[in-house]
Amino acid sequence: FPVTICGVCRNVTNWTQLSSEGSIIQSIDLGMDHGDDDYTVRLHFSSPSSLVETNQIGAFSIYANGQFLETITDITTAAGGQDKGLIKTYNGQLDGLGRVNFVLRELVVGNPPLLNGLELYV
């Protein structure tokens, strides 16, 4: 998926898809040269009709540096229909080492979120 980093990014240190108790967990680690600065992140999701019709997109929770941000139960409804995008914007603070970790955890086993893009502004 596309990752747009606005600022000086050392690297995307880790993008993993883990399994925990049957659930898919997507974990994204980003390293920035900005200490504990504030950030804004925009997460881009979608609900393509081909996946909606086969019930392959489920509810999920979003975390940043271990802090719960939000649970999204239905991307299609939140986006205003099938084949539409949903952009969620969150603000936070990098950890003292200039890092941030985003986790998307599916709530229904077998129905992970579809993350299409991530923008990080520091």
C-alpha atoms as a PDB file:
ATOM      1  CA  PHE A   1       0.000   0.000   0.000  1.00  0.00           C
ATOM      2  CA  PRO A   2       1.237   3.561  -0.498  1.00  0.00           C
ATOM      3  CA  VAL A   3       2.877   5.268   2.455  1.00  0.00           C
ATOM      4  CA  THR A   4       3.392   9.011   2.231  1.00  0.00           C
ATOM      5  CA  ILE A   5       5.651  10.410   4.928  1.00  0.00           C
ATOM      6  CA  CYS A   6       5.716  14.172   5.221  1.00  0.00           C
ATOM      7  CA  GLY A   7       8.787  15.098   7.209  1.00  0.00           C
ATOM      8  CA  VAL A   8      12.163  13.460   7.657  1.00  0.00           C
ATOM      9  CA  CYS A   9      11.530   9.752   8.059  1.00  0.00           C
ATOM     10  CA  ARG A  10      14.389   7.443   8.995  1.00  0.00           C
ATOM     11  CA  ASN A  11      12.427   4.443   7.800  1.00  0.00           C
ATOM     12  CA  VAL A  12       9.366   2.303   7.988  1.00  0.00           C
ATOM     13  CA  THR A  13      10.976  -0.075  10.444  1.00  0.00           C
ATOM     14  CA  ASN A  14       8.320  -2.739  10.411  1.00  0.00           C
ATOM     15  CA  TRP A  15       5.102  -3.659   8.632  1.00  0.00           C
ATOM     16  CA  THR A  16       3.789  -6.956   9.863  1.00  0.00           C
ATOM     17  CA  GLN A  17       0.627  -8.921   9.777  1.00  0.00           C
ATOM     18  CA  LEU A  18       0.472 -11.038  12.914  1.00  0.00           C
ATOM     19  CA  SER A  19      -1.990 -13.599  14.131  1.00  0.00           C
ATOM     20  CA  SER A  20      -3.121 -13.575  17.743  1.00  0.00           C
ATOM     21  CA  GLU A  21      -5.841 -15.925  18.936  1.00  0.00           C
ATOM     22  CA  GLY A  22      -7.013 -16.224  15.338  1.00  0.00           C
ATOM     23  CA  SER A  23      -7.234 -12.461  14.783  1.00  0.00           C
ATOM     24  CA  ILE A  24      -5.174 -10.633  12.177  1.00  0.00           C
ATOM     25  CA  ILE A  25      -3.213  -7.727  13.587  1.00  0.00           C
ATOM     26  CA  GLN A  26      -1.583  -5.268  11.202  1.00  0.00           C
ATOM     27  CA  SER A  27       1.286  -3.416  12.867  1.00  0.00           C
ATOM     28  CA  ILE A  28       3.143  -0.475  11.308  1.00  0.00           C
ATOM     29  CA  ASP A  29       6.262   0.989  12.945  1.00  0.00           C
ATOM     30  CA  LEU A  30       7.607   4.315  11.689  1.00  0.00           C
ATOM     31  CA  GLY A  31      10.849   6.007  12.783  1.00  0.00           C
ATOM     32  CA  MET A  32      11.107   9.794  12.492  1.00  0.00           C
ATOM     33  CA  ASP A  33      13.898  12.263  13.288  1.00  0.00           C
ATOM     34  CA  HIS A  34      11.617  14.342  15.489  1.00  0.00           C
ATOM     35  CA  GLY A  35      11.972  13.170  19.112  1.00  0.00           C
ATOM     36  CA  ASP A  36       8.614  13.504  20.834  1.00  0.00           C
ATOM     37  CA  ASP A  37       6.998  15.947  18.379  1.00  0.00           C
ATOM     38  CA  ASP A  38       3.279  15.970  17.657  1.00  0.00           C
ATOM     39  CA  TYR A  39       2.027  14.189  14.567  1.00  0.00           C
ATOM     40  CA  THR A  40      -1.090  13.927  12.446  1.00  0.00           C
ATOM     41  CA  VAL A  41      -1.862  10.671  10.674  1.00  0.00           C
ATOM     42  CA  ARG A  42      -4.450  10.060   7.982  1.00  0.00           C
ATOM     43  CA  LEU A  43      -5.423   6.421   7.482  1.00  0.00           C
ATOM     44  CA  HIS A  44      -7.124   5.596   4.178  1.00  0.00           C
ATOM     45  CA  PHE A  45      -9.609   2.711   4.087  1.00  0.00           C
ATOM     46  CA  SER A  46     -12.012   1.444   1.454  1.00  0.00           C
ATOM     47  CA  SER A  47     -14.850  -0.997   1.028  1.00  0.00           C
ATOM     48  CA  PRO A  48     -14.736  -2.367  -2.517  1.00  0.00           C
ATOM     49  CA  SER A  49     -18.070  -3.898  -3.515  1.00  0.00           C
ATOM     50  CA  SER A  50     -16.353  -7.196  -4.406  1.00  0.00           C
ATOM     51  CA  LEU A  51     -15.198  -7.591  -0.784  1.00  0.00           C
ATOM     52  CA  VAL A  52     -18.378  -6.180   0.798  1.00  0.00           C
ATOM     53  CA  GLU A  53     -20.566  -8.631  -1.126  1.00  0.00           C
ATOM     54  CA  THR A  54     -18.502 -11.577   0.102  1.00  0.00           C
ATOM     55  CA  ASN A  55     -18.386 -10.226   3.678  1.00  0.00           C
ATOM     56  CA  GLN A  56     -14.575  -9.980   3.707  1.00  0.00           C
ATOM     57  CA  ILE A  57     -14.241  -6.608   5.451  1.00  0.00           C
ATOM     58  CA  GLY A  58     -14.964  -6.609   9.152  1.00  0.00           C
ATOM     59  CA  ALA A  59     -14.918  -4.445  12.238  1.00  0.00           C
ATOM     60  CA  PHE A  60     -11.558  -3.428  13.646  1.00  0.00           C
ATOM     61  CA  SER A  61      -9.922  -1.297  16.322  1.00  0.00           C
ATOM     62  CA  ILE A  62      -7.154   1.248  15.763  1.00  0.00           C
ATOM     63  CA  TYR A  63      -4.300   1.881  18.221  1.00  0.00           C
ATOM     64  CA  ALA A  64      -1.344   4.310  18.176  1.00  0.00           C
ATOM     65  CA  ASN A  65       1.611   3.642  20.503  1.00  0.00           C
ATOM     66  CA  GLY A  66      -0.605   1.322  22.522  1.00  0.00           C
ATOM     67  CA  GLN A  67      -3.391   3.890  22.972  1.00  0.00           C
ATOM     68  CA  PHE A  68      -6.860   2.918  21.762  1.00  0.00           C
ATOM     69  CA  LEU A  69      -8.133   5.436  19.182  1.00  0.00           C
ATOM     70  CA  GLU A  70     -11.348   4.079  17.744  1.00  0.00           C
ATOM     71  CA  THR A  71     -13.338   1.035  16.685  1.00  0.00           C
ATOM     72  CA  ILE A  72     -14.799   1.063  13.197  1.00  0.00           C
ATOM     73  CA  THR A  73     -17.641  -1.408  12.863  1.00  0.00           C
ATOM     74  CA  ASP A  74     -18.656  -0.759   9.253  1.00  0.00           C
ATOM     75  CA  ILE A  75     -16.425   0.983   6.707  1.00  0.00           C
ATOM     76  CA  THR A  76     -19.140   0.916   4.056  1.00  0.00           C
ATOM     77  CA  THR A  77     -21.621   2.843   6.197  1.00  0.00           C
ATOM     78  CA  ALA A  78     -18.971   5.259   7.505  1.00  0.00           C
ATOM     79  CA  ALA A  79     -17.783   5.957   3.935  1.00  0.00           C
ATOM     80  CA  GLY A  80     -21.318   6.495   2.652  1.00  0.00           C
ATOM     81  CA  GLY A  81     -21.561   3.382   0.489  1.00  0.00           C
ATOM     82  CA  GLN A  82     -19.667   0.698  -1.363  1.00  0.00           C
ATOM     83  CA  ASP A  83     -16.665   1.566  -3.526  1.00  0.00           C
ATOM     84  CA  LYS A  84     -16.011   4.737  -1.527  1.00  0.00           C
ATOM     85  CA  GLY A  85     -13.037   5.673   0.582  1.00  0.00           C
ATOM     86  CA  LEU A  86     -12.903   6.550   4.248  1.00  0.00           C
ATOM     87  CA  ILE A  87     -10.145   8.748   5.661  1.00  0.00           C
ATOM     88  CA  LYS A  88      -9.670   8.846   9.420  1.00  0.00           C
ATOM     89  CA  THR A  89      -7.437  11.550  10.911  1.00  0.00           C
ATOM     90  CA  TYR A  90      -5.789  11.287  14.317  1.00  0.00           C
ATOM     91  CA  ASN A  91      -3.345  13.468  16.224  1.00  0.00           C
ATOM     92  CA  GLY A  92      -0.784  12.246  18.725  1.00  0.00           C
ATOM     93  CA  GLN A  93       2.772  12.487  19.947  1.00  0.00           C
ATOM     94  CA  LEU A  94       5.794  10.460  18.843  1.00  0.00           C
ATOM     95  CA  ASP A  95       7.464   8.500  21.610  1.00  0.00           C
ATOM     96  CA  GLY A  96      10.665  10.005  23.048  1.00  0.00           C
ATOM     97  CA  LEU A  97      12.744   8.223  20.383  1.00  0.00           C
ATOM     98  CA  GLY A  98      10.779   9.659  17.476  1.00  0.00           C
ATOM     99  CA  ARG A  99       8.742   6.541  16.749  1.00  0.00           C
ATOM    100  CA  VAL A 100       5.096   5.710  16.343  1.00  0.00           C
ATOM    101  CA  ASN A 101       3.401   2.330  16.035  1.00  0.00           C
ATOM    102  CA  PHE A 102      -0.050   1.903  14.526  1.00  0.00           C
ATOM    103  CA  VAL A 103      -2.007  -1.303  15.068  1.00  0.00           C
ATOM    104  CA  LEU A 104      -5.201  -2.352  13.288  1.00  0.00           C
ATOM    105  CA  ARG A 105      -6.807  -5.336  15.015  1.00  0.00           C
ATOM    106  CA  GLU A 106      -9.684  -7.179  13.414  1.00  0.00           C
ATOM    107  CA  LEU A 107     -12.619  -7.925  15.696  1.00  0.00           C
ATOM    108  CA  VAL A 108     -14.128 -10.687  13.556  1.00  0.00           C
ATOM    109  CA  VAL A 109     -11.699 -13.500  12.788  1.00  0.00           C
ATOM    110  CA  GLY A 110     -11.115 -13.736   9.052  1.00  0.00           C
ATOM    111  CA  ASN A 111     -12.320 -10.208   8.204  1.00  0.00           C
ATOM    112  CA  PRO A 112      -9.276  -7.882   8.439  1.00  0.00           C
ATOM    113  CA  PRO A 113      -9.466  -4.146   7.646  1.00  0.00           C
ATOM    114  CA  LEU A 114      -8.401  -2.955   4.210  1.00  0.00           C
ATOM    115  CA  LEU A 115      -5.840  -0.170   4.710  1.00  0.00           C
ATOM    116  CA  ASN A 116      -5.125   1.557   1.397  1.00  0.00           C
ATOM    117  CA  GLY A 117      -2.755   4.286   2.514  1.00  0.00           C
ATOM    118  CA  LEU A 118      -1.177   6.131   5.392  1.00  0.00           C
ATOM    119  CA  GLU A 119      -0.049   9.763   5.568  1.00  0.00           C
ATOM    120  CA  LEU A 120       2.078  10.896   8.514  1.00  0.00           C
ATOM    121  CA  TYR A 121       2.774  14.573   9.107  1.00  0.00           C
ATOM    122  CA  VAL A 122       5.237  15.716  11.779  1.00  0.00           C
END
